[in-house]
Amino acid sequence: MKFKVGDTVLITAGKDKGKQGSIGRVLPSDNQVVVPGMNLYSRHVRQQQGRSGEIIRRERPLATAKVAIINDQGKPDRVGYRLEKDGTKVRVFRRTGQPVPTPRPPKDSTK
């Protein structure tokens, strides 16, 4: 998977087209990513005994084909890989050829 948690991406299709966000979760088996605050849908929860009904806003995953990483110039780009001389594999921007900075995921506050 070419996307990592913490990468800044641009939504290229759907109702949030043109918005930017940071990847919160990657689902490699489904080729999808979750961007917090994007692709929100309403889930209606029925009233139950001792609990009132409510409408919950939930984030749904986006296909990786519908997002583009933002390169060092602030433009949407694709990601490729390059082998360094020491044998390490490095993610690079396709347009500029510059290495993709390693994202620093936010600290999980639930732990």
PDB file of N, CA and C in Angstrom:
ATOM      1  N   MET A   1       0.855  -1.177   0.000  1.00  0.00           N
ATOM      2  CA  MET A   1       0.000   0.000   0.000  1.00  0.00           C
ATOM      3  C   MET A   1       0.895   1.233   0.000  1.00  0.00           C
ATOM      4  N   LYS A   2       0.579   2.159  -0.874  1.00  0.00           N
ATOM      5  CA  LYS A   2       1.424   3.343  -1.036  1.00  0.00           C
ATOM      6  C   LYS A   2       1.062   4.471  -0.088  1.00  0.00           C
ATOM      7  N   PHE A   3      -0.044   4.351   0.625  1.00  0.00           N
ATOM      8  CA  PHE A   3      -0.450   5.374   1.582  1.00  0.00           C
ATOM      9  C   PHE A   3      -0.134   4.905   2.993  1.00  0.00           C
ATOM     10  N   LYS A   4       0.258   5.850   3.834  1.00  0.00           N
ATOM     11  CA  LYS A   4       0.568   5.566   5.235  1.00  0.00           C
ATOM     12  C   LYS A   4      -0.285   6.465   6.124  1.00  0.00           C
ATOM     13  N   VAL A   5      -0.502   6.038   7.360  1.00  0.00           N
ATOM     14  CA  VAL A   5      -1.241   6.851   8.326  1.00  0.00           C
ATOM     15  C   VAL A   5      -0.474   8.147   8.554  1.00  0.00           C
ATOM     16  N   GLY A   6      -1.168   9.268   8.443  1.00  0.00           N
ATOM     17  CA  GLY A   6      -0.542  10.569   8.638  1.00  0.00           C
ATOM     18  C   GLY A   6      -0.257  11.312   7.345  1.00  0.00           C
ATOM     19  N   ASP A   7      -0.329  10.632   6.190  1.00  0.00           N
ATOM     20  CA  ASP A   7      -0.125  11.309   4.907  1.00  0.00           C
ATOM     21  C   ASP A   7      -1.236  12.331   4.677  1.00  0.00           C
ATOM     22  N   THR A   8      -0.889  13.479   4.115  1.00  0.00           N
ATOM     23  CA  THR A   8      -1.879  14.485   3.747  1.00  0.00           C
ATOM     24  C   THR A   8      -2.349  14.188   2.332  1.00  0.00           C
ATOM     25  N   VAL A   9      -3.674  14.060   2.173  1.00  0.00           N
ATOM     26  CA  VAL A   9      -4.232  13.687   0.879  1.00  0.00           C
ATOM     27  C   VAL A   9      -5.308  14.668   0.438  1.00  0.00           C
ATOM     28  N   LEU A  10      -5.586  14.669  -0.859  1.00  0.00           N
ATOM     29  CA  LEU A  10      -6.645  15.452  -1.472  1.00  0.00           C
ATOM     30  C   LEU A  10      -7.696  14.468  -1.967  1.00  0.00           C
ATOM     31  N   ILE A  11      -8.969  14.729  -1.645  1.00  0.00           N
ATOM     32  CA  ILE A  11     -10.058  13.890  -2.129  1.00  0.00           C
ATOM     33  C   ILE A  11     -10.328  14.301  -3.579  1.00  0.00           C
ATOM     34  N   THR A  12     -10.271  13.353  -4.516  1.00  0.00           N
ATOM     35  CA  THR A  12     -10.407  13.679  -5.933  1.00  0.00           C
ATOM     36  C   THR A  12     -11.769  13.331  -6.510  1.00  0.00           C
ATOM     37  N   ALA A  13     -12.624  12.639  -5.753  1.00  0.00           N
ATOM     38  CA  ALA A  13     -13.940  12.262  -6.262  1.00  0.00           C
ATOM     39  C   ALA A  13     -14.916  12.137  -5.100  1.00  0.00           C
ATOM     40  N   GLY A  14     -16.189  12.273  -5.407  1.00  0.00           N
ATOM     41  CA  GLY A  14     -17.221  12.117  -4.392  1.00  0.00           C
ATOM     42  C   GLY A  14     -17.694  13.445  -3.845  1.00  0.00           C
ATOM     43  N   LYS A  15     -18.498  13.373  -2.789  1.00  0.00           N
ATOM     44  CA  LYS A  15     -19.107  14.597  -2.259  1.00  0.00           C
ATOM     45  C   LYS A  15     -18.112  15.503  -1.550  1.00  0.00           C
ATOM     46  N   ASP A  16     -16.961  14.996  -1.156  1.00  0.00           N
ATOM     47  CA  ASP A  16     -15.930  15.809  -0.503  1.00  0.00           C
ATOM     48  C   ASP A  16     -14.797  16.170  -1.463  1.00  0.00           C
ATOM     49  N   LYS A  17     -15.060  16.134  -2.753  1.00  0.00           N
ATOM     50  CA  LYS A  17     -14.041  16.418  -3.765  1.00  0.00           C
ATOM     51  C   LYS A  17     -13.419  17.793  -3.532  1.00  0.00           C
ATOM     52  N   GLY A  18     -12.079  17.844  -3.555  1.00  0.00           N
ATOM     53  CA  GLY A  18     -11.359  19.101  -3.377  1.00  0.00           C
ATOM     54  C   GLY A  18     -10.920  19.371  -1.952  1.00  0.00           C
ATOM     55  N   LYS A  19     -11.390  18.589  -0.987  1.00  0.00           N
ATOM     56  CA  LYS A  19     -11.013  18.794   0.412  1.00  0.00           C
ATOM     57  C   LYS A  19      -9.727  18.034   0.721  1.00  0.00           C
ATOM     58  N   GLN A  20      -8.972  18.568   1.689  1.00  0.00           N
ATOM     59  CA  GLN A  20      -7.733  17.926   2.122  1.00  0.00           C
ATOM     60  C   GLN A  20      -7.887  17.413   3.542  1.00  0.00           C
ATOM     61  N   GLY A  21      -7.171  16.354   3.845  1.00  0.00           N
ATOM     62  CA  GLY A  21      -7.180  15.800   5.187  1.00  0.00           C
ATOM     63  C   GLY A  21      -5.997  14.868   5.367  1.00  0.00           C
ATOM     64  N   SER A  22      -5.854  14.384   6.578  1.00  0.00           N
ATOM     65  CA  SER A  22      -4.768  13.480   6.913  1.00  0.00           C
ATOM     66  C   SER A  22      -5.335  12.075   7.110  1.00  0.00           C
ATOM     67  N   ILE A  23      -4.653  11.073   6.617  1.00  0.00           N
ATOM     68  CA  ILE A  23      -5.141   9.699   6.710  1.00  0.00           C
ATOM     69  C   ILE A  23      -5.111   9.245   8.162  1.00  0.00           C
ATOM     70  N   GLY A  24      -6.237   8.712   8.626  1.00  0.00           N
ATOM     71  CA  GLY A  24      -6.343   8.237   9.996  1.00  0.00           C
ATOM     72  C   GLY A  24      -6.182   6.731  10.114  1.00  0.00           C
ATOM     73  N   ARG A  25      -6.590   6.008   9.058  1.00  0.00           N
ATOM     74  CA  ARG A  25      -6.512   4.548   9.090  1.00  0.00           C
ATOM     75  C   ARG A  25      -6.355   4.032   7.663  1.00  0.00           C
ATOM     76  N   VAL A  26      -5.582   2.980   7.499  1.00  0.00           N
ATOM     77  CA  VAL A  26      -5.362   2.379   6.188  1.00  0.00           C
ATOM     78  C   VAL A  26      -5.900   0.956   6.224  1.00  0.00           C
ATOM     79  N   LEU A  27      -6.676   0.588   5.197  1.00  0.00           N
ATOM     80  CA  LEU A  27      -7.230  -0.763   5.077  1.00  0.00           C
ATOM     81  C   LEU A  27      -6.637  -1.413   3.821  1.00  0.00           C
ATOM     82  N   PRO A  28      -5.432  -2.003   3.924  1.00  0.00           N
ATOM     83  CA  PRO A  28      -4.756  -2.512   2.733  1.00  0.00           C
ATOM     84  C   PRO A  28      -5.484  -3.667   2.051  1.00  0.00           C
ATOM     85  N   SER A  29      -6.184  -4.502   2.804  1.00  0.00           N
ATOM     86  CA  SER A  29      -6.867  -5.637   2.187  1.00  0.00           C
ATOM     87  C   SER A  29      -8.009  -5.186   1.280  1.00  0.00           C
ATOM     88  N   ASP A  30      -8.612  -4.034   1.584  1.00  0.00           N
ATOM     89  CA  ASP A  30      -9.713  -3.505   0.783  1.00  0.00           C
ATOM     90  C   ASP A  30      -9.274  -2.372  -0.138  1.00  0.00           C
ATOM     91  N   ASN A  31      -8.001  -1.993  -0.107  1.00  0.00           N
ATOM     92  CA  ASN A  31      -7.483  -0.860  -0.880  1.00  0.00           C
ATOM     93  C   ASN A  31      -8.250   0.416  -0.554  1.00  0.00           C
ATOM     94  N   GLN A  32      -8.428   0.678   0.732  1.00  0.00           N
ATOM     95  CA  GLN A  32      -9.179   1.842   1.176  1.00  0.00           C
ATOM     96  C   GLN A  32      -8.441   2.564   2.295  1.00  0.00           C
ATOM     97  N   VAL A  33      -8.782   3.851   2.459  1.00  0.00           N
ATOM     98  CA  VAL A  33      -8.246   4.660   3.550  1.00  0.00           C
ATOM     99  C   VAL A  33      -9.399   5.398   4.217  1.00  0.00           C
ATOM    100  N   VAL A  34      -9.217   5.731   5.497  1.00  0.00           N
ATOM    101  CA  VAL A  34     -10.203   6.514   6.233  1.00  0.00           C
ATOM    102  C   VAL A  34      -9.563   7.857   6.556  1.00  0.00           C
ATOM    103  N   VAL A  35     -10.242   8.931   6.139  1.00  0.00           N
ATOM    104  CA  VAL A  35      -9.771  10.286   6.405  1.00  0.00           C
ATOM    105  C   VAL A  35     -10.749  10.902   7.402  1.00  0.00           C
ATOM    106  N   PRO A  36     -10.310  11.221   8.628  1.00  0.00           N
ATOM    107  CA  PRO A  36     -11.223  11.775   9.633  1.00  0.00           C
ATOM    108  C   PRO A  36     -11.902  13.052   9.146  1.00  0.00           C
ATOM    109  N   GLY A  37     -13.216  13.108   9.348  1.00  0.00           N
ATOM    110  CA  GLY A  37     -13.996  14.279   8.956  1.00  0.00           C
ATOM    111  C   GLY A  37     -14.442  14.275   7.508  1.00  0.00           C
ATOM    112  N   MET A  38     -14.034  13.286   6.734  1.00  0.00           N
ATOM    113  CA  MET A  38     -14.419  13.200   5.319  1.00  0.00           C
ATOM    114  C   MET A  38     -15.283  11.965   5.094  1.00  0.00           C
ATOM    115  N   ASN A  39     -16.092  12.015   4.037  1.00  0.00           N
ATOM    116  CA  ASN A  39     -16.965  10.908   3.648  1.00  0.00           C
ATOM    117  C   ASN A  39     -17.884  10.504   4.803  1.00  0.00           C
ATOM    118  N   LEU A  40     -18.493  11.505   5.437  1.00  0.00           N
ATOM    119  CA  LEU A  40     -19.376  11.267   6.577  1.00  0.00           C
ATOM    120  C   LEU A  40     -20.767  10.869   6.107  1.00  0.00           C
ATOM    121  N   TYR A  41     -21.336   9.885   6.776  1.00  0.00           N
ATOM    122  CA  TYR A  41     -22.694   9.446   6.502  1.00  0.00           C
ATOM    123  C   TYR A  41     -23.454   9.355   7.808  1.00  0.00           C
ATOM    124  N   SER A  42     -24.775   9.519   7.723  1.00  0.00           N
ATOM    125  CA  SER A  42     -25.625   9.477   8.914  1.00  0.00           C
ATOM    126  C   SER A  42     -26.114   8.061   9.144  1.00  0.00           C
ATOM    127  N   ARG A  43     -26.044   7.636  10.381  1.00  0.00           N
ATOM    128  CA  ARG A  43     -26.556   6.324  10.790  1.00  0.00           C
ATOM    129  C   ARG A  43     -27.657   6.587  11.789  1.00  0.00           C
ATOM    130  N   HIS A  44     -28.878   6.167  11.472  1.00  0.00           N
ATOM    131  CA  HIS A  44     -30.022   6.362  12.353  1.00  0.00           C
ATOM    132  C   HIS A  44     -30.117   5.172  13.300  1.00  0.00           C
ATOM    133  N   VAL A  45     -30.090   5.445  14.600  1.00  0.00           N
ATOM    134  CA  VAL A  45     -30.172   4.404  15.623  1.00  0.00           C
ATOM    135  C   VAL A  45     -31.559   4.465  16.234  1.00  0.00           C
ATOM    136  N   ARG A  46     -32.231   3.343  16.269  1.00  0.00           N
ATOM    137  CA  ARG A  46     -33.592   3.300  16.799  1.00  0.00           C
ATOM    138  C   ARG A  46     -33.604   3.468  18.309  1.00  0.00           C
ATOM    139  N   GLN A  47     -34.730   3.926  18.777  1.00  0.00           N
ATOM    140  CA  GLN A  47     -34.919   4.070  20.217  1.00  0.00           C
ATOM    141  C   GLN A  47     -35.018   2.682  20.843  1.00  0.00           C
ATOM    142  N   GLN A  48     -34.349   2.518  21.979  1.00  0.00           N
ATOM    143  CA  GLN A  48     -34.410   1.260  22.717  1.00  0.00           C
ATOM    144  C   GLN A  48     -34.807   1.559  24.148  1.00  0.00           C
ATOM    145  N   GLN A  49     -35.094   0.537  24.874  1.00  0.00           N
ATOM    146  CA  GLN A  49     -35.519   0.717  26.256  1.00  0.00           C
ATOM    147  C   GLN A  49     -34.401   1.383  27.057  1.00  0.00           C
ATOM    148  N   GLY A  50     -34.720   2.530  27.651  1.00  0.00           N
ATOM    149  CA  GLY A  50     -33.750   3.254  28.461  1.00  0.00           C
ATOM    150  C   GLY A  50     -32.772   4.097  27.654  1.00  0.00           C
ATOM    151  N   ARG A  51     -32.987   4.183  26.351  1.00  0.00           N
ATOM    152  CA  ARG A  51     -32.067   4.947  25.509  1.00  0.00           C
ATOM    153  C   ARG A  51     -32.846   5.582  24.359  1.00  0.00           C
ATOM    154  N   SER A  52     -32.617   6.846  24.144  1.00  0.00           N
ATOM    155  CA  SER A  52     -33.350   7.528  23.078  1.00  0.00           C
ATOM    156  C   SER A  52     -32.689   7.267  21.724  1.00  0.00           C
ATOM    157  N   GLY A  53     -33.473   7.440  20.672  1.00  0.00           N
ATOM    158  CA  GLY A  53     -32.942   7.290  19.327  1.00  0.00           C
ATOM    159  C   GLY A  53     -32.057   8.474  18.974  1.00  0.00           C
ATOM    160  N   GLU A  54     -31.158   8.277  18.037  1.00  0.00           N
ATOM    161  CA  GLU A  54     -30.257   9.354  17.660  1.00  0.00           C
ATOM    162  C   GLU A  54     -29.748   9.138  16.239  1.00  0.00           C
ATOM    163  N   ILE A  55     -29.127  10.172  15.714  1.00  0.00           N
ATOM    164  CA  ILE A  55     -28.488  10.104  14.409  1.00  0.00           C
ATOM    165  C   ILE A  55     -26.988  10.258  14.636  1.00  0.00           C
ATOM    166  N   ILE A  56     -26.230   9.264  14.225  1.00  0.00           N
ATOM    167  CA  ILE A  56     -24.782   9.253  14.427  1.00  0.00           C
ATOM    168  C   ILE A  56     -24.107   9.525  13.085  1.00  0.00           C
ATOM    169  N   ARG A  57     -23.139  10.436  13.074  1.00  0.00           N
ATOM    170  CA  ARG A  57     -22.353  10.719  11.871  1.00  0.00           C
ATOM    171  C   ARG A  57     -21.112   9.827  11.908  1.00  0.00           C
ATOM    172  N   ARG A  58     -20.923   9.017  10.870  1.00  0.00           N
ATOM    173  CA  ARG A  58     -19.804   8.087  10.818  1.00  0.00           C
ATOM    174  C   ARG A  58     -18.979   8.314   9.562  1.00  0.00           C
ATOM    175  N   GLU A  59     -17.687   8.049   9.671  1.00  0.00           N
ATOM    176  CA  GLU A  59     -16.788   8.139   8.525  1.00  0.00           C
ATOM    177  C   GLU A  59     -16.762   6.785   7.830  1.00  0.00           C
ATOM    178  N   ARG A  60     -16.844   6.832   6.530  1.00  0.00           N
ATOM    179  CA  ARG A  60     -16.725   5.608   5.752  1.00  0.00           C
ATOM    180  C   ARG A  60     -15.390   5.629   5.010  1.00  0.00           C
ATOM    181  N   PRO A  61     -14.860   4.451   4.718  1.00  0.00           N
ATOM    182  CA  PRO A  61     -13.589   4.399   3.992  1.00  0.00           C
ATOM    183  C   PRO A  61     -13.734   4.923   2.562  1.00  0.00           C
ATOM    184  N   LEU A  62     -12.650   5.447   2.045  1.00  0.00           N
ATOM    185  CA  LEU A  62     -12.565   5.904   0.657  1.00  0.00           C
ATOM    186  C   LEU A  62     -11.634   4.974  -0.108  1.00  0.00           C
ATOM    187  N   ALA A  63     -11.949   4.706  -1.359  1.00  0.00           N
ATOM    188  CA  ALA A  63     -11.057   3.923  -2.209  1.00  0.00           C
ATOM    189  C   ALA A  63      -9.778   4.723  -2.449  1.00  0.00           C
ATOM    190  N   THR A  64      -8.661   4.032  -2.518  1.00  0.00           N
ATOM    191  CA  THR A  64      -7.388   4.727  -2.721  1.00  0.00           C
ATOM    192  C   THR A  64      -7.339   5.423  -4.079  1.00  0.00           C
ATOM    193  N   ALA A  65      -8.159   4.987  -5.032  1.00  0.00           N
ATOM    194  CA  ALA A  65      -8.206   5.637  -6.342  1.00  0.00           C
ATOM    195  C   ALA A  65      -8.856   7.016  -6.262  1.00  0.00           C
ATOM    196  N   LYS A  66      -9.564   7.305  -5.174  1.00  0.00           N
ATOM    197  CA  LYS A  66     -10.268   8.578  -5.026  1.00  0.00           C
ATOM    198  C   LYS A  66      -9.500   9.584  -4.181  1.00  0.00           C
ATOM    199  N   VAL A  67      -8.271   9.262  -3.806  1.00  0.00           N
ATOM    200  CA  VAL A  67      -7.444  10.202  -3.050  1.00  0.00           C
ATOM    201  C   VAL A  67      -6.076  10.326  -3.721  1.00  0.00           C
ATOM    202  N   ALA A  68      -5.468  11.502  -3.582  1.00  0.00           N
ATOM    203  CA  ALA A  68      -4.126  11.745  -4.120  1.00  0.00           C
ATOM    204  C   ALA A  68      -3.296  12.393  -3.025  1.00  0.00           C
ATOM    205  N   ILE A  69      -2.069  11.939  -2.870  1.00  0.00           N
ATOM    206  CA  ILE A  69      -1.187  12.500  -1.843  1.00  0.00           C
ATOM    207  C   ILE A  69      -0.759  13.909  -2.268  1.00  0.00           C
ATOM    208  N   ILE A  70      -0.557  14.778  -1.287  1.00  0.00           N
ATOM    209  CA  ILE A  70      -0.109  16.143  -1.552  1.00  0.00           C
ATOM    210  C   ILE A  70       1.420  16.156  -1.486  1.00  0.00           C
ATOM    211  N   ASN A  71       2.056  16.616  -2.582  1.00  0.00           N
ATOM    212  CA  ASN A  71       3.523  16.603  -2.613  1.00  0.00           C
ATOM    213  C   ASN A  71       4.111  17.825  -1.912  1.00  0.00           C
ATOM    214  N   ASP A  72       5.435  17.949  -1.966  1.00  0.00           N
ATOM    215  CA  ASP A  72       6.130  19.028  -1.261  1.00  0.00           C
ATOM    216  C   ASP A  72       5.838  20.402  -1.851  1.00  0.00           C
ATOM    217  N   GLN A  73       5.251  20.473  -3.046  1.00  0.00           N
ATOM    218  CA  GLN A  73       4.875  21.747  -3.657  1.00  0.00           C
ATOM    219  C   GLN A  73       3.408  22.090  -3.410  1.00  0.00           C
ATOM    220  N   GLY A  74       2.695  21.232  -2.670  1.00  0.00           N
ATOM    221  CA  GLY A  74       1.291  21.476  -2.354  1.00  0.00           C
ATOM    222  C   GLY A  74       0.327  21.038  -3.439  1.00  0.00           C
ATOM    223  N   LYS A  75       0.784  20.202  -4.374  1.00  0.00           N
ATOM    224  CA  LYS A  75      -0.061  19.746  -5.472  1.00  0.00           C
ATOM    225  C   LYS A  75      -0.331  18.250  -5.335  1.00  0.00           C
ATOM    226  N   PRO A  76      -1.467  17.779  -5.881  1.00  0.00           N
ATOM    227  CA  PRO A  76      -1.744  16.343  -5.825  1.00  0.00           C
ATOM    228  C   PRO A  76      -0.736  15.567  -6.667  1.00  0.00           C
ATOM    229  N   ASP A  77      -0.373  14.415  -6.185  1.00  0.00           N
ATOM    230  CA  ASP A  77       0.664  13.627  -6.835  1.00  0.00           C
ATOM    231  C   ASP A  77       0.394  12.151  -6.609  1.00  0.00           C
ATOM    232  N   ARG A  78       1.196  11.317  -7.272  1.00  0.00           N
ATOM    233  CA  ARG A  78       1.155   9.884  -7.044  1.00  0.00           C
ATOM    234  C   ARG A  78       2.442   9.467  -6.342  1.00  0.00           C
ATOM    235  N   VAL A  79       2.435   8.256  -5.814  1.00  0.00           N
ATOM    236  CA  VAL A  79       3.594   7.763  -5.068  1.00  0.00           C
ATOM    237  C   VAL A  79       4.205   6.595  -5.823  1.00  0.00           C
ATOM    238  N   GLY A  80       5.524   6.595  -5.905  1.00  0.00           N
ATOM    239  CA  GLY A  80       6.256   5.480  -6.469  1.00  0.00           C
ATOM    240  C   GLY A  80       7.312   5.023  -5.474  1.00  0.00           C
ATOM    241  N   TYR A  81       8.061   4.017  -5.854  1.00  0.00           N
ATOM    242  CA  TYR A  81       9.128   3.506  -4.993  1.00  0.00           C
ATOM    243  C   TYR A  81      10.447   3.553  -5.748  1.00  0.00           C
ATOM    244  N   ARG A  82      11.521   3.773  -4.996  1.00  0.00           N
ATOM    245  CA  ARG A  82      12.857   3.786  -5.571  1.00  0.00           C
ATOM    246  C   ARG A  82      13.765   3.001  -4.631  1.00  0.00           C
ATOM    247  N   LEU A  83      14.651   2.205  -5.210  1.00  0.00           N
ATOM    248  CA  LEU A  83      15.626   1.470  -4.406  1.00  0.00           C
ATOM    249  C   LEU A  83      16.881   2.312  -4.271  1.00  0.00           C
ATOM    250  N   GLU A  84      17.301   2.521  -3.047  1.00  0.00           N
ATOM    251  CA  GLU A  84      18.528   3.267  -2.780  1.00  0.00           C
ATOM    252  C   GLU A  84      19.730   2.338  -2.971  1.00  0.00           C
ATOM    253  N   LYS A  85      20.919   2.906  -2.976  1.00  0.00           N
ATOM    254  CA  LYS A  85      22.137   2.115  -3.188  1.00  0.00           C
ATOM    255  C   LYS A  85      22.384   1.116  -2.066  1.00  0.00           C
ATOM    256  N   ASP A  86      21.909   1.463  -0.857  1.00  0.00           N
ATOM    257  CA  ASP A  86      22.102   0.542   0.266  1.00  0.00           C
ATOM    258  C   ASP A  86      21.016  -0.534   0.326  1.00  0.00           C
ATOM    259  N   GLY A  87      20.101  -0.558  -0.665  1.00  0.00           N
ATOM    260  CA  GLY A  87      19.088  -1.601  -0.741  1.00  0.00           C
ATOM    261  C   GLY A  87      17.763  -1.272  -0.081  1.00  0.00           C
ATOM    262  N   THR A  88      17.641  -0.085   0.500  1.00  0.00           N
ATOM    263  CA  THR A  88      16.374   0.279   1.137  1.00  0.00           C
ATOM    264  C   THR A  88      15.392   0.806   0.096  1.00  0.00           C
ATOM    265  N   LYS A  89      14.126   0.552   0.342  1.00  0.00           N
ATOM    266  CA  LYS A  89      13.060   0.987  -0.546  1.00  0.00           C
ATOM    267  C   LYS A  89      12.495   2.293  -0.001  1.00  0.00           C
ATOM    268  N   VAL A  90      12.414   3.331  -0.835  1.00  0.00           N
ATOM    269  CA  VAL A  90      11.986   4.658  -0.405  1.00  0.00           C
ATOM    270  C   VAL A  90      10.778   5.083  -1.236  1.00  0.00           C
ATOM    271  N   ARG A  91       9.760   5.639  -0.572  1.00  0.00           N
ATOM    272  CA  ARG A  91       8.614   6.201  -1.294  1.00  0.00           C
ATOM    273  C   ARG A  91       9.013   7.553  -1.870  1.00  0.00           C
ATOM    274  N   VAL A  92       8.656   7.801  -3.131  1.00  0.00           N
ATOM    275  CA  VAL A  92       8.989   9.070  -3.783  1.00  0.00           C
ATOM    276  C   VAL A  92       7.752   9.618  -4.489  1.00  0.00           C
ATOM    277  N   PHE A  93       7.708  10.964  -4.623  1.00  0.00           N
ATOM    278  CA  PHE A  93       6.658  11.599  -5.411  1.00  0.00           C
ATOM    279  C   PHE A  93       6.974  11.380  -6.884  1.00  0.00           C
ATOM    280  N   ARG A  94       5.971  11.056  -7.693  1.00  0.00           N
ATOM    281  CA  ARG A  94       6.198  10.791  -9.110  1.00  0.00           C
ATOM    282  C   ARG A  94       6.551  12.061  -9.878  1.00  0.00           C
ATOM    283  N   ARG A  95       5.906  13.191  -9.557  1.00  0.00           N
ATOM    284  CA  ARG A  95       6.147  14.431 -10.299  1.00  0.00           C
ATOM    285  C   ARG A  95       7.526  15.014 -10.020  1.00  0.00           C
ATOM    286  N   THR A  96       7.883  15.082  -8.746  1.00  0.00           N
ATOM    287  CA  THR A  96       9.119  15.773  -8.382  1.00  0.00           C
ATOM    288  C   THR A  96      10.302  14.834  -8.188  1.00  0.00           C
ATOM    289  N   GLY A  97      10.045  13.566  -7.894  1.00  0.00           N
ATOM    290  CA  GLY A  97      11.123  12.624  -7.633  1.00  0.00           C
ATOM    291  C   GLY A  97      11.693  12.732  -6.231  1.00  0.00           C
ATOM    292  N   GLN A  98      11.154  13.657  -5.427  1.00  0.00           N
ATOM    293  CA  GLN A  98      11.628  13.840  -4.053  1.00  0.00           C
ATOM    294  C   GLN A  98      11.073  12.732  -3.155  1.00  0.00           C
ATOM    295  N   PRO A  99      11.811  12.333  -2.123  1.00  0.00           N
ATOM    296  CA  PRO A  99      11.286  11.327  -1.196  1.00  0.00           C
ATOM    297  C   PRO A  99      10.097  11.868  -0.406  1.00  0.00           C
ATOM    298  N   VAL A 100       9.142  10.987  -0.155  1.00  0.00           N
ATOM    299  CA  VAL A 100       7.967  11.350   0.635  1.00  0.00           C
ATOM    300  C   VAL A 100       8.393  11.391   2.095  1.00  0.00           C
ATOM    301  N   PRO A 101       8.142  12.503   2.809  1.00  0.00           N
ATOM    302  CA  PRO A 101       8.515  12.543   4.224  1.00  0.00           C
ATOM    303  C   PRO A 101       7.716  11.513   5.014  1.00  0.00           C
ATOM    304  N   THR A 102       8.384  10.871   5.950  1.00  0.00           N
ATOM    305  CA  THR A 102       7.718   9.876   6.776  1.00  0.00           C
ATOM    306  C   THR A 102       6.704  10.570   7.670  1.00  0.00           C
ATOM    307  N   PRO A 103       5.414  10.197   7.545  1.00  0.00           N
ATOM    308  CA  PRO A 103       4.401  10.875   8.352  1.00  0.00           C
ATOM    309  C   PRO A 103       4.520  10.492   9.817  1.00  0.00           C
ATOM    310  N   ARG A 104       4.190  11.442  10.676  1.00  0.00           N
ATOM    311  CA  ARG A 104       4.180  11.175  12.113  1.00  0.00           C
ATOM    312  C   ARG A 104       2.724  11.083  12.530  1.00  0.00           C
ATOM    313  N   PRO A 105       2.231   9.864  12.767  1.00  0.00           N
ATOM    314  CA  PRO A 105       0.824   9.729  13.134  1.00  0.00           C
ATOM    315  C   PRO A 105       0.550  10.387  14.478  1.00  0.00           C
ATOM    316  N   PRO A 106      -0.655  10.923  14.653  1.00  0.00           N
ATOM    317  CA  PRO A 106      -0.990  11.548  15.931  1.00  0.00           C
ATOM    318  C   PRO A 106      -1.012  10.513  17.042  1.00  0.00           C
ATOM    319  N   LYS A 107      -0.666  10.952  18.238  1.00  0.00           N
ATOM    320  CA  LYS A 107      -0.681  10.040  19.376  1.00  0.00           C
ATOM    321  C   LYS A 107      -2.117   9.662  19.692  1.00  0.00           C
ATOM    322  N   ASP A 108      -2.329   8.377  19.948  1.00  0.00           N
ATOM    323  CA  ASP A 108      -3.669   7.881  20.244  1.00  0.00           C
ATOM    324  C   ASP A 108      -4.015   8.240  21.678  1.00  0.00           C
ATOM    325  N   SER A 109      -5.071   9.007  21.861  1.00  0.00           N
ATOM    326  CA  SER A 109      -5.440   9.481  23.192  1.00  0.00           C
ATOM    327  C   SER A 109      -6.298   8.483  23.952  1.00  0.00           C
ATOM    328  N   THR A 110      -6.691   7.359  23.306  1.00  0.00           N
ATOM    329  CA  THR A 110      -7.558   6.393  23.972  1.00  0.00           C
ATOM    330  C   THR A 110      -6.789   5.408  24.826  1.00  0.00           C
ATOM    331  N   LYS A 111      -5.481   5.353  24.682  1.00  0.00           N
ATOM    332  CA  LYS A 111      -4.688   4.385  25.452  1.00  0.00           C
ATOM    333  C   LYS A 111      -4.475   4.848  26.864  1.00  0.00           C
TER     334      LYS A 111
END
